[in-house]
Amino acid sequence: MSSAWAIANARALRPLPEPITAPAALARLIVHRHDRLGGVLHEYENAA
């Protein structure tokens, strides 16, 4: 088994949130970005 296979099939640490589909909620969406691994990886968070 290669490491690429393991990474591609890894599960999330926590369940994904429900998608935001309401137009009013999308208009006021605020997103915070956190750089990880020296900026190689970016983590995004919805700031409610």
PDB file of N, CA and C in Angstrom:
ATOM      1  N   MET A   1       0.858  -1.190   0.000  1.00  0.00           N
ATOM      2  CA  MET A   1       0.000   0.000   0.000  1.00  0.00           C
ATOM      3  C   MET A   1       0.892   1.236   0.000  1.00  0.00           C
ATOM      4  N   SER A   2       0.627   2.161  -0.905  1.00  0.00           N
ATOM      5  CA  SER A   2       1.440   3.369  -0.986  1.00  0.00           C
ATOM      6  C   SER A   2       0.880   4.452  -0.066  1.00  0.00           C
ATOM      7  N   SER A   3       1.726   5.417   0.265  1.00  0.00           N
ATOM      8  CA  SER A   3       1.281   6.504   1.135  1.00  0.00           C
ATOM      9  C   SER A   3       0.257   7.395   0.423  1.00  0.00           C
ATOM     10  N   ALA A   4       0.336   7.505  -0.905  1.00  0.00           N
ATOM     11  CA  ALA A   4      -0.649   8.309  -1.638  1.00  0.00           C
ATOM     12  C   ALA A   4      -2.042   7.709  -1.490  1.00  0.00           C
ATOM     13  N   TRP A   5      -2.154   6.404  -1.512  1.00  0.00           N
ATOM     14  CA  TRP A   5      -3.448   5.748  -1.323  1.00  0.00           C
ATOM     15  C   TRP A   5      -3.982   6.044   0.076  1.00  0.00           C
ATOM     16  N   ALA A   6      -3.116   5.981   1.077  1.00  0.00           N
ATOM     17  CA  ALA A   6      -3.543   6.218   2.453  1.00  0.00           C
ATOM     18  C   ALA A   6      -4.015   7.656   2.644  1.00  0.00           C
ATOM     19  N   ILE A   7      -3.326   8.605   2.054  1.00  0.00           N
ATOM     20  CA  ILE A   7      -3.721  10.009   2.191  1.00  0.00           C
ATOM     21  C   ILE A   7      -5.039  10.255   1.466  1.00  0.00           C
ATOM     22  N   ALA A   8      -5.207   9.692   0.300  1.00  0.00           N
ATOM     23  CA  ALA A   8      -6.418   9.905  -0.481  1.00  0.00           C
ATOM     24  C   ALA A   8      -7.645   9.315   0.203  1.00  0.00           C
ATOM     25  N   ASN A   9      -7.483   8.296   1.009  1.00  0.00           N
ATOM     26  CA  ASN A   9      -8.619   7.632   1.648  1.00  0.00           C
ATOM     27  C   ASN A   9      -8.736   7.938   3.135  1.00  0.00           C
ATOM     28  N   ALA A  10      -8.017   8.941   3.610  1.00  0.00           N
ATOM     29  CA  ALA A  10      -8.079   9.300   5.027  1.00  0.00           C
ATOM     30  C   ALA A  10      -9.414   9.975   5.330  1.00  0.00           C
ATOM     31  N   ARG A  11      -9.918   9.739   6.510  1.00  0.00           N
ATOM     32  CA  ARG A  11     -11.172  10.362   6.936  1.00  0.00           C
ATOM     33  C   ARG A  11     -10.888  11.679   7.645  1.00  0.00           C
ATOM     34  N   ALA A  12     -11.855  12.565   7.628  1.00  0.00           N
ATOM     35  CA  ALA A  12     -11.743  13.836   8.338  1.00  0.00           C
ATOM     36  C   ALA A  12     -11.749  13.578   9.844  1.00  0.00           C
ATOM     37  N   LEU A  13     -11.104  14.453  10.594  1.00  0.00           N
ATOM     38  CA  LEU A  13     -11.064  14.300  12.050  1.00  0.00           C
ATOM     39  C   LEU A  13     -12.420  14.566  12.685  1.00  0.00           C
ATOM     40  N   ARG A  14     -13.217  15.381  12.026  1.00  0.00           N
ATOM     41  CA  ARG A  14     -14.574  15.665  12.514  1.00  0.00           C
ATOM     42  C   ARG A  14     -15.498  15.765  11.316  1.00  0.00           C
ATOM     43  N   PRO A  15     -16.791  15.575  11.511  1.00  0.00           N
ATOM     44  CA  PRO A  15     -17.717  15.615  10.363  1.00  0.00           C
ATOM     45  C   PRO A  15     -17.741  16.996   9.718  1.00  0.00           C
ATOM     46  N   LEU A  16     -17.990  17.012   8.432  1.00  0.00           N
ATOM     47  CA  LEU A  16     -18.094  18.278   7.710  1.00  0.00           C
ATOM     48  C   LEU A  16     -19.376  18.994   8.101  1.00  0.00           C
ATOM     49  N   PRO A  17     -19.339  20.325   8.183  1.00  0.00           N
ATOM     50  CA  PRO A  17     -20.564  21.061   8.506  1.00  0.00           C
ATOM     51  C   PRO A  17     -21.522  21.045   7.320  1.00  0.00           C
ATOM     52  N   GLU A  18     -22.759  21.366   7.600  1.00  0.00           N
ATOM     53  CA  GLU A  18     -23.764  21.456   6.539  1.00  0.00           C
ATOM     54  C   GLU A  18     -23.396  22.608   5.608  1.00  0.00           C
ATOM     55  N   PRO A  19     -23.589  22.454   4.303  1.00  0.00           N
ATOM     56  CA  PRO A  19     -23.263  23.541   3.378  1.00  0.00           C
ATOM     57  C   PRO A  19     -24.181  24.745   3.582  1.00  0.00           C
ATOM     58  N   ILE A  20     -23.646  25.923   3.339  1.00  0.00           N
ATOM     59  CA  ILE A  20     -24.427  27.159   3.455  1.00  0.00           C
ATOM     60  C   ILE A  20     -25.003  27.457   2.077  1.00  0.00           C
ATOM     61  N   THR A  21     -26.317  27.400   1.964  1.00  0.00           N
ATOM     62  CA  THR A  21     -26.954  27.599   0.662  1.00  0.00           C
ATOM     63  C   THR A  21     -27.882  28.807   0.623  1.00  0.00           C
ATOM     64  N   ALA A  22     -28.196  29.386   1.767  1.00  0.00           N
ATOM     65  CA  ALA A  22     -29.101  30.542   1.805  1.00  0.00           C
ATOM     66  C   ALA A  22     -28.373  31.772   1.256  1.00  0.00           C
ATOM     67  N   PRO A  23     -28.957  32.461   0.268  1.00  0.00           N
ATOM     68  CA  PRO A  23     -28.291  33.629  -0.321  1.00  0.00           C
ATOM     69  C   PRO A  23     -27.958  34.714   0.703  1.00  0.00           C
ATOM     70  N   ALA A  24     -28.824  34.930   1.681  1.00  0.00           N
ATOM     71  CA  ALA A  24     -28.574  35.962   2.692  1.00  0.00           C
ATOM     72  C   ALA A  24     -27.360  35.600   3.550  1.00  0.00           C
ATOM     73  N   ALA A  25     -27.203  34.326   3.860  1.00  0.00           N
ATOM     74  CA  ALA A  25     -26.062  33.884   4.660  1.00  0.00           C
ATOM     75  C   ALA A  25     -24.767  33.985   3.857  1.00  0.00           C
ATOM     76  N   LEU A  26     -24.827  33.724   2.567  1.00  0.00           N
ATOM     77  CA  LEU A  26     -23.630  33.817   1.725  1.00  0.00           C
ATOM     78  C   LEU A  26     -23.175  35.262   1.561  1.00  0.00           C
ATOM     79  N   ALA A  27     -24.107  36.212   1.583  1.00  0.00           N
ATOM     80  CA  ALA A  27     -23.767  37.619   1.411  1.00  0.00           C
ATOM     81  C   ALA A  27     -22.963  38.147   2.583  1.00  0.00           C
ATOM     82  N   ARG A  28     -23.146  37.595   3.773  1.00  0.00           N
ATOM     83  CA  ARG A  28     -22.433  38.072   4.967  1.00  0.00           C
ATOM     84  C   ARG A  28     -21.449  37.032   5.492  1.00  0.00           C
ATOM     85  N   LEU A  29     -20.955  36.223   4.627  1.00  0.00           N
ATOM     86  CA  LEU A  29     -20.017  35.172   5.008  1.00  0.00           C
ATOM     87  C   LEU A  29     -18.644  35.761   5.321  1.00  0.00           C
ATOM     88  N   ILE A  30     -18.115  35.441   6.482  1.00  0.00           N
ATOM     89  CA  ILE A  30     -16.782  35.887   6.894  1.00  0.00           C
ATOM     90  C   ILE A  30     -15.928  34.639   7.099  1.00  0.00           C
ATOM     91  N   VAL A  31     -14.800  34.588   6.429  1.00  0.00           N
ATOM     92  CA  VAL A  31     -13.938  33.408   6.483  1.00  0.00           C
ATOM     93  C   VAL A  31     -12.569  33.801   7.027  1.00  0.00           C
ATOM     94  N   HIS A  32     -12.073  33.028   7.981  1.00  0.00           N
ATOM     95  CA  HIS A  32     -10.723  33.213   8.509  1.00  0.00           C
ATOM     96  C   HIS A  32      -9.822  32.142   7.928  1.00  0.00           C
ATOM     97  N   ARG A  33      -8.635  32.548   7.495  1.00  0.00           N
ATOM     98  CA  ARG A  33      -7.671  31.608   6.923  1.00  0.00           C
ATOM     99  C   ARG A  33      -6.506  31.439   7.882  1.00  0.00           C
ATOM    100  N   HIS A  34      -6.132  30.186   8.131  1.00  0.00           N
ATOM    101  CA  HIS A  34      -4.995  29.861   8.986  1.00  0.00           C
ATOM    102  C   HIS A  34      -3.970  29.110   8.143  1.00  0.00           C
ATOM    103  N   ASP A  35      -2.756  29.633   8.076  1.00  0.00           N
ATOM    104  CA  ASP A  35      -1.692  28.951   7.354  1.00  0.00           C
ATOM    105  C   ASP A  35      -1.109  27.851   8.229  1.00  0.00           C
ATOM    106  N   ARG A  36      -0.921  26.693   7.653  1.00  0.00           N
ATOM    107  CA  ARG A  36      -0.316  25.550   8.342  1.00  0.00           C
ATOM    108  C   ARG A  36       0.905  25.112   7.551  1.00  0.00           C
ATOM    109  N   LEU A  37       1.835  24.489   8.203  1.00  0.00           N
ATOM    110  CA  LEU A  37       3.057  23.978   7.571  1.00  0.00           C
ATOM    111  C   LEU A  37       3.786  25.083   6.812  1.00  0.00           C
ATOM    112  N   GLY A  38       3.936  26.221   7.445  1.00  0.00           N
ATOM    113  CA  GLY A  38       4.673  27.319   6.836  1.00  0.00           C
ATOM    114  C   GLY A  38       3.999  27.912   5.617  1.00  0.00           C
ATOM    115  N   GLY A  39       2.694  27.815   5.522  1.00  0.00           N
ATOM    116  CA  GLY A  39       1.956  28.379   4.397  1.00  0.00           C
ATOM    117  C   GLY A  39       1.706  27.401   3.263  1.00  0.00           C
ATOM    118  N   VAL A  40       2.187  26.161   3.402  1.00  0.00           N
ATOM    119  CA  VAL A  40       1.972  25.149   2.362  1.00  0.00           C
ATOM    120  C   VAL A  40       0.517  24.696   2.370  1.00  0.00           C
ATOM    121  N   LEU A  41      -0.056  24.603   3.542  1.00  0.00           N
ATOM    122  CA  LEU A  41      -1.431  24.134   3.709  1.00  0.00           C
ATOM    123  C   LEU A  41      -2.244  25.260   4.313  1.00  0.00           C
ATOM    124  N   HIS A  42      -3.447  25.467   3.823  1.00  0.00           N
ATOM    125  CA  HIS A  42      -4.321  26.522   4.333  1.00  0.00           C
ATOM    126  C   HIS A  42      -5.567  25.892   4.933  1.00  0.00           C
ATOM    127  N   GLU A  43      -5.932  26.358   6.122  1.00  0.00           N
ATOM    128  CA  GLU A  43      -7.141  25.884   6.793  1.00  0.00           C
ATOM    129  C   GLU A  43      -8.102  27.061   6.861  1.00  0.00           C
ATOM    130  N   TYR A  44      -9.327  26.857   6.443  1.00  0.00           N
ATOM    131  CA  TYR A  44     -10.323  27.916   6.422  1.00  0.00           C
ATOM    132  C   TYR A  44     -11.412  27.624   7.451  1.00  0.00           C
ATOM    133  N   GLU A  45     -11.893  28.691   8.097  1.00  0.00           N
ATOM    134  CA  GLU A  45     -12.921  28.555   9.129  1.00  0.00           C
ATOM    135  C   GLU A  45     -13.964  29.655   8.927  1.00  0.00           C
ATOM    136  N   ASN A  46     -15.227  29.274   8.997  1.00  0.00           N
ATOM    137  CA  ASN A  46     -16.307  30.254   8.912  1.00  0.00           C
ATOM    138  C   ASN A  46     -16.436  30.927  10.260  1.00  0.00           C
ATOM    139  N   ALA A  47     -16.249  32.227  10.301  1.00  0.00           N
ATOM    140  CA  ALA A  47     -16.377  32.982  11.552  1.00  0.00           C
ATOM    141  C   ALA A  47     -17.816  33.455  11.692  1.00  0.00           C
ATOM    142  N   ALA A  48     -18.589  32.706  12.440  1.00  0.00           N
ATOM    143  CA  ALA A  48     -20.026  33.002  12.570  1.00  0.00           C
ATOM    144  C   ALA A  48     -20.272  34.188  13.462  1.00  0.00           C
TER     145      ALA A  48
END
